[in-house]
Structure formats: structure tokens, C-alpha cells
Amino acid sequence: MLDRVEAALGTPSRLINNATYERHVSVDTFATEILRRHYLVNNEGTLGLTFAFIERYKRAGHTDGRILFMVSGARMHPTWPISPRKAP
């Protein structure tokens, strides 16, 4: 992926990482494969991309970069209370 970005835009100085893999399971539906996929995407994939980005960033001589990690799984839990914070 970073090869395609560099070919089109040059070496990036910003990375927005929003890798999310989530499945609803219970003790009755849990399977080890679900845990493996969760780890592969959310941990290994995120860290692999981040370290590859940092390596290219340094090689390009950038000095003002940013890495933003986001989590967007809240939509998977509609029972979570998501409401605007009230002013004191």
C-alpha cells in the first residue's frame, strides 16, 4: 500500500490508522479463528503498517509527521450510551 501512495503522492508525512476487525461473539459462538483475525488486523496489521511508515518517513528526511490511531467500533455496540457531553 505504501508503495502505491509513494508512487502517486510521494512519501507521506501523515498516517491515519483505522484498522478495525470486530465480531460479536458469546461463550457459545467464540472460535479461536475469530481471535486470530482480531489480532492480525487490529494488532499485527496496525503495527506493521506503522513501522513501515516510520521507516519510509525517516528515509525521506521528514521532521514534522503525525500518526493518528482511530477506533471506530462503537457502531457495533448500539447499547453503549453515546450522547453529547452536557455543559457543567
N, C-alpha and C. Protein backbone atom coordinates (compact mmCIF):
# COMPACT_ATOMS: atom_id res chain seq x y z
N MET A 1 0.82 -1.18 0.00
CA MET A 1 0.00 0.00 0.00
C MET A 1 0.87 1.25 0.00
N LEU A 2 1.90 1.28 0.84
CA LEU A 2 2.75 2.45 0.90
C LEU A 2 3.49 2.68 -0.43
N ASP A 3 3.81 1.60 -1.14
CA ASP A 3 4.43 1.76 -2.47
C ASP A 3 3.51 2.53 -3.40
N ARG A 4 2.21 2.20 -3.40
CA ARG A 4 1.25 2.90 -4.27
C ARG A 4 1.10 4.36 -3.87
N VAL A 5 1.07 4.62 -2.56
CA VAL A 5 0.96 6.00 -2.09
C VAL A 5 2.17 6.81 -2.53
N GLU A 6 3.37 6.26 -2.33
CA GLU A 6 4.59 6.97 -2.73
C GLU A 6 4.65 7.21 -4.22
N ALA A 7 4.22 6.23 -5.01
CA ALA A 7 4.24 6.40 -6.47
C ALA A 7 3.31 7.52 -6.91
N ALA A 8 2.18 7.66 -6.23
CA ALA A 8 1.19 8.67 -6.63
C ALA A 8 1.43 10.04 -5.99
N LEU A 9 1.89 10.05 -4.74
CA LEU A 9 1.94 11.31 -3.99
C LEU A 9 3.29 11.66 -3.37
N GLY A 10 4.24 10.74 -3.42
CA GLY A 10 5.49 10.93 -2.70
C GLY A 10 5.39 10.31 -1.33
N THR A 11 6.46 10.40 -0.56
CA THR A 11 6.48 9.80 0.77
C THR A 11 5.59 10.58 1.71
N PRO A 12 4.62 9.93 2.33
CA PRO A 12 3.70 10.65 3.22
C PRO A 12 4.35 11.04 4.54
N SER A 13 3.83 12.10 5.13
CA SER A 13 4.30 12.50 6.46
C SER A 13 3.19 12.33 7.50
N ARG A 14 2.05 11.81 7.06
CA ARG A 14 0.92 11.58 7.95
C ARG A 14 0.39 10.16 7.72
N LEU A 15 0.00 9.51 8.82
CA LEU A 15 -0.64 8.19 8.73
C LEU A 15 -1.87 8.22 9.62
N ILE A 16 -3.01 7.92 9.04
CA ILE A 16 -4.25 7.76 9.81
C ILE A 16 -4.57 6.28 9.78
N ASN A 17 -4.49 5.66 10.92
CA ASN A 17 -4.67 4.22 11.02
C ASN A 17 -6.01 3.91 11.68
N ASN A 18 -6.89 3.28 10.91
CA ASN A 18 -8.23 2.98 11.40
C ASN A 18 -8.57 1.51 11.16
N ALA A 19 -7.64 0.64 11.47
CA ALA A 19 -7.87 -0.79 11.29
C ALA A 19 -8.80 -1.30 12.38
N THR A 20 -9.89 -1.90 11.97
CA THR A 20 -10.82 -2.45 12.95
C THR A 20 -11.40 -3.76 12.43
N TYR A 21 -11.25 -4.79 13.22
CA TYR A 21 -11.92 -6.06 12.95
C TYR A 21 -12.62 -6.45 14.24
N GLU A 22 -13.91 -6.61 14.15
CA GLU A 22 -14.68 -6.94 15.34
C GLU A 22 -15.85 -7.84 14.96
N ARG A 23 -16.10 -8.83 15.75
CA ARG A 23 -17.24 -9.72 15.55
C ARG A 23 -17.92 -9.94 16.89
N HIS A 24 -19.23 -9.92 16.88
CA HIS A 24 -19.98 -10.21 18.10
C HIS A 24 -19.92 -11.71 18.37
N VAL A 25 -19.48 -12.06 19.55
CA VAL A 25 -19.44 -13.46 19.94
C VAL A 25 -19.89 -13.59 21.39
N SER A 26 -20.22 -14.77 21.73
CA SER A 26 -20.56 -15.10 23.12
C SER A 26 -19.75 -16.34 23.48
N VAL A 27 -19.91 -16.81 24.67
CA VAL A 27 -19.19 -18.02 25.05
C VAL A 27 -19.62 -19.21 24.19
N ASP A 28 -20.83 -19.13 23.64
CA ASP A 28 -21.32 -20.22 22.80
C ASP A 28 -20.83 -20.13 21.36
N THR A 29 -20.50 -18.93 20.88
CA THR A 29 -20.11 -18.76 19.48
C THR A 29 -18.65 -18.41 19.29
N PHE A 30 -17.89 -18.28 20.38
CA PHE A 30 -16.48 -17.93 20.27
C PHE A 30 -15.71 -19.02 19.54
N ALA A 31 -14.81 -18.61 18.67
CA ALA A 31 -13.91 -19.54 17.99
C ALA A 31 -12.52 -18.93 17.96
N THR A 32 -11.51 -19.76 18.06
CA THR A 32 -10.14 -19.27 18.06
C THR A 32 -9.82 -18.48 16.80
N GLU A 33 -10.39 -18.85 15.68
CA GLU A 33 -10.14 -18.13 14.42
C GLU A 33 -10.59 -16.68 14.51
N ILE A 34 -11.65 -16.40 15.22
CA ILE A 34 -12.10 -15.01 15.41
C ILE A 34 -11.03 -14.23 16.16
N LEU A 35 -10.48 -14.81 17.19
CA LEU A 35 -9.43 -14.15 17.95
C LEU A 35 -8.19 -13.91 17.09
N ARG A 36 -7.83 -14.89 16.27
CA ARG A 36 -6.67 -14.74 15.37
C ARG A 36 -6.88 -13.60 14.39
N ARG A 37 -8.07 -13.52 13.79
CA ARG A 37 -8.35 -12.42 12.84
C ARG A 37 -8.31 -11.07 13.55
N HIS A 38 -8.88 -11.01 14.74
CA HIS A 38 -8.88 -9.77 15.52
C HIS A 38 -7.44 -9.32 15.75
N TYR A 39 -6.60 -10.22 16.20
CA TYR A 39 -5.20 -9.89 16.46
C TYR A 39 -4.48 -9.49 15.18
N LEU A 40 -4.68 -10.24 14.11
CA LEU A 40 -3.98 -9.99 12.86
C LEU A 40 -4.26 -8.58 12.33
N VAL A 41 -5.52 -8.18 12.31
CA VAL A 41 -5.88 -6.86 11.78
C VAL A 41 -5.57 -5.76 12.79
N ASN A 42 -6.08 -5.89 14.00
CA ASN A 42 -6.02 -4.80 14.98
C ASN A 42 -4.64 -4.60 15.61
N ASN A 43 -3.84 -5.64 15.68
CA ASN A 43 -2.52 -5.51 16.30
C ASN A 43 -1.40 -5.64 15.27
N GLU A 44 -1.28 -6.79 14.67
CA GLU A 44 -0.17 -7.03 13.76
C GLU A 44 -0.23 -6.12 12.53
N GLY A 45 -1.41 -5.98 11.95
CA GLY A 45 -1.54 -5.11 10.78
C GLY A 45 -1.26 -3.66 11.10
N THR A 46 -1.80 -3.19 12.22
CA THR A 46 -1.60 -1.81 12.64
C THR A 46 -0.14 -1.52 12.91
N LEU A 47 0.52 -2.38 13.67
CA LEU A 47 1.93 -2.16 14.00
C LEU A 47 2.83 -2.31 12.78
N GLY A 48 2.54 -3.28 11.93
CA GLY A 48 3.34 -3.46 10.71
C GLY A 48 3.29 -2.24 9.81
N LEU A 49 2.09 -1.71 9.59
CA LEU A 49 1.96 -0.51 8.76
C LEU A 49 2.63 0.68 9.41
N THR A 50 2.48 0.82 10.72
CA THR A 50 3.09 1.94 11.44
C THR A 50 4.61 1.92 11.33
N PHE A 51 5.24 0.77 11.55
CA PHE A 51 6.69 0.69 11.47
C PHE A 51 7.18 0.89 10.04
N ALA A 52 6.46 0.38 9.05
CA ALA A 52 6.84 0.61 7.66
C ALA A 52 6.74 2.10 7.32
N PHE A 53 5.69 2.75 7.80
CA PHE A 53 5.52 4.19 7.60
C PHE A 53 6.69 4.95 8.23
N ILE A 54 7.05 4.64 9.47
CA ILE A 54 8.14 5.33 10.17
C ILE A 54 9.46 5.15 9.42
N GLU A 55 9.73 3.96 8.94
CA GLU A 55 10.97 3.70 8.21
C GLU A 55 11.06 4.58 6.96
N ARG A 56 9.98 4.65 6.19
CA ARG A 56 9.97 5.47 4.97
C ARG A 56 10.02 6.95 5.32
N TYR A 57 9.32 7.33 6.37
CA TYR A 57 9.29 8.72 6.83
C TYR A 57 10.70 9.20 7.16
N LYS A 58 11.44 8.41 7.92
CA LYS A 58 12.81 8.78 8.29
C LYS A 58 13.71 8.82 7.05
N ARG A 59 13.57 7.83 6.19
CA ARG A 59 14.40 7.76 4.99
C ARG A 59 14.18 8.98 4.09
N ALA A 60 12.96 9.51 4.08
CA ALA A 60 12.63 10.68 3.27
C ALA A 60 13.11 11.98 3.93
N GLY A 61 13.54 11.91 5.19
CA GLY A 61 14.03 13.09 5.88
C GLY A 61 12.95 13.99 6.43
N HIS A 62 11.73 13.47 6.56
CA HIS A 62 10.64 14.27 7.14
C HIS A 62 10.94 14.56 8.62
N THR A 63 10.43 15.69 9.11
CA THR A 63 10.63 16.04 10.51
C THR A 63 9.35 16.51 11.19
N ASP A 64 8.25 16.54 10.47
CA ASP A 64 7.02 17.10 11.05
C ASP A 64 5.82 16.16 10.90
N GLY A 65 6.04 14.87 11.01
CA GLY A 65 4.98 13.90 10.75
C GLY A 65 4.06 13.66 11.93
N ARG A 66 2.98 12.96 11.61
CA ARG A 66 1.98 12.60 12.62
C ARG A 66 1.46 11.20 12.31
N ILE A 67 1.13 10.47 13.39
CA ILE A 67 0.43 9.19 13.27
C ILE A 67 -0.80 9.29 14.15
N LEU A 68 -1.95 9.03 13.57
CA LEU A 68 -3.21 9.09 14.30
C LEU A 68 -3.82 7.69 14.30
N PHE A 69 -4.10 7.17 15.49
CA PHE A 69 -4.76 5.88 15.63
C PHE A 69 -6.21 6.12 16.00
N MET A 70 -7.10 5.53 15.24
CA MET A 70 -8.54 5.70 15.49
C MET A 70 -9.17 4.35 15.77
N VAL A 71 -10.25 4.38 16.52
CA VAL A 71 -11.06 3.19 16.77
C VAL A 71 -12.49 3.55 16.42
N SER A 72 -13.10 2.76 15.56
CA SER A 72 -14.45 3.10 15.12
C SER A 72 -15.43 1.97 15.34
N GLY A 73 -15.22 1.15 16.33
CA GLY A 73 -16.09 0.01 16.58
C GLY A 73 -17.34 0.33 17.37
N ALA A 74 -17.53 1.60 17.76
CA ALA A 74 -18.68 1.95 18.60
C ALA A 74 -20.00 1.64 17.91
N ARG A 75 -20.05 1.72 16.60
CA ARG A 75 -21.29 1.43 15.89
C ARG A 75 -21.74 -0.02 16.07
N MET A 76 -20.79 -0.87 16.46
CA MET A 76 -21.11 -2.29 16.64
C MET A 76 -21.83 -2.54 17.97
N HIS A 77 -21.88 -1.53 18.82
CA HIS A 77 -22.48 -1.69 20.14
C HIS A 77 -23.56 -0.63 20.35
N PRO A 78 -24.70 -0.80 19.72
CA PRO A 78 -25.73 0.25 19.82
C PRO A 78 -26.26 0.46 21.22
N THR A 79 -25.95 -0.43 22.15
CA THR A 79 -26.45 -0.24 23.51
C THR A 79 -25.53 0.64 24.35
N TRP A 80 -24.34 0.95 23.82
CA TRP A 80 -23.45 1.84 24.56
C TRP A 80 -24.06 3.23 24.60
N PRO A 81 -24.00 3.90 25.73
CA PRO A 81 -24.54 5.26 25.78
C PRO A 81 -23.63 6.23 25.05
N ILE A 82 -24.08 6.70 23.91
CA ILE A 82 -23.33 7.68 23.14
C ILE A 82 -24.19 8.93 23.07
N SER A 83 -23.83 9.89 23.85
CA SER A 83 -24.60 11.13 23.87
C SER A 83 -23.65 12.29 24.08
N PRO A 84 -24.04 13.47 23.62
CA PRO A 84 -23.16 14.62 23.80
C PRO A 84 -22.98 14.93 25.28
N ARG A 85 -21.80 15.37 25.60
CA ARG A 85 -21.50 15.75 26.99
C ARG A 85 -22.23 17.06 27.30
N LYS A 86 -22.88 17.08 28.43
CA LYS A 86 -23.60 18.28 28.84
C LYS A 86 -22.64 19.27 29.48
N ALA A 87 -22.83 20.54 29.20
CA ALA A 87 -22.02 21.58 29.81
C ALA A 87 -22.30 21.65 31.30
N PRO A 88 -21.27 21.90 32.11
CA PRO A 88 -21.48 21.98 33.57
C PRO A 88 -22.31 23.18 33.97
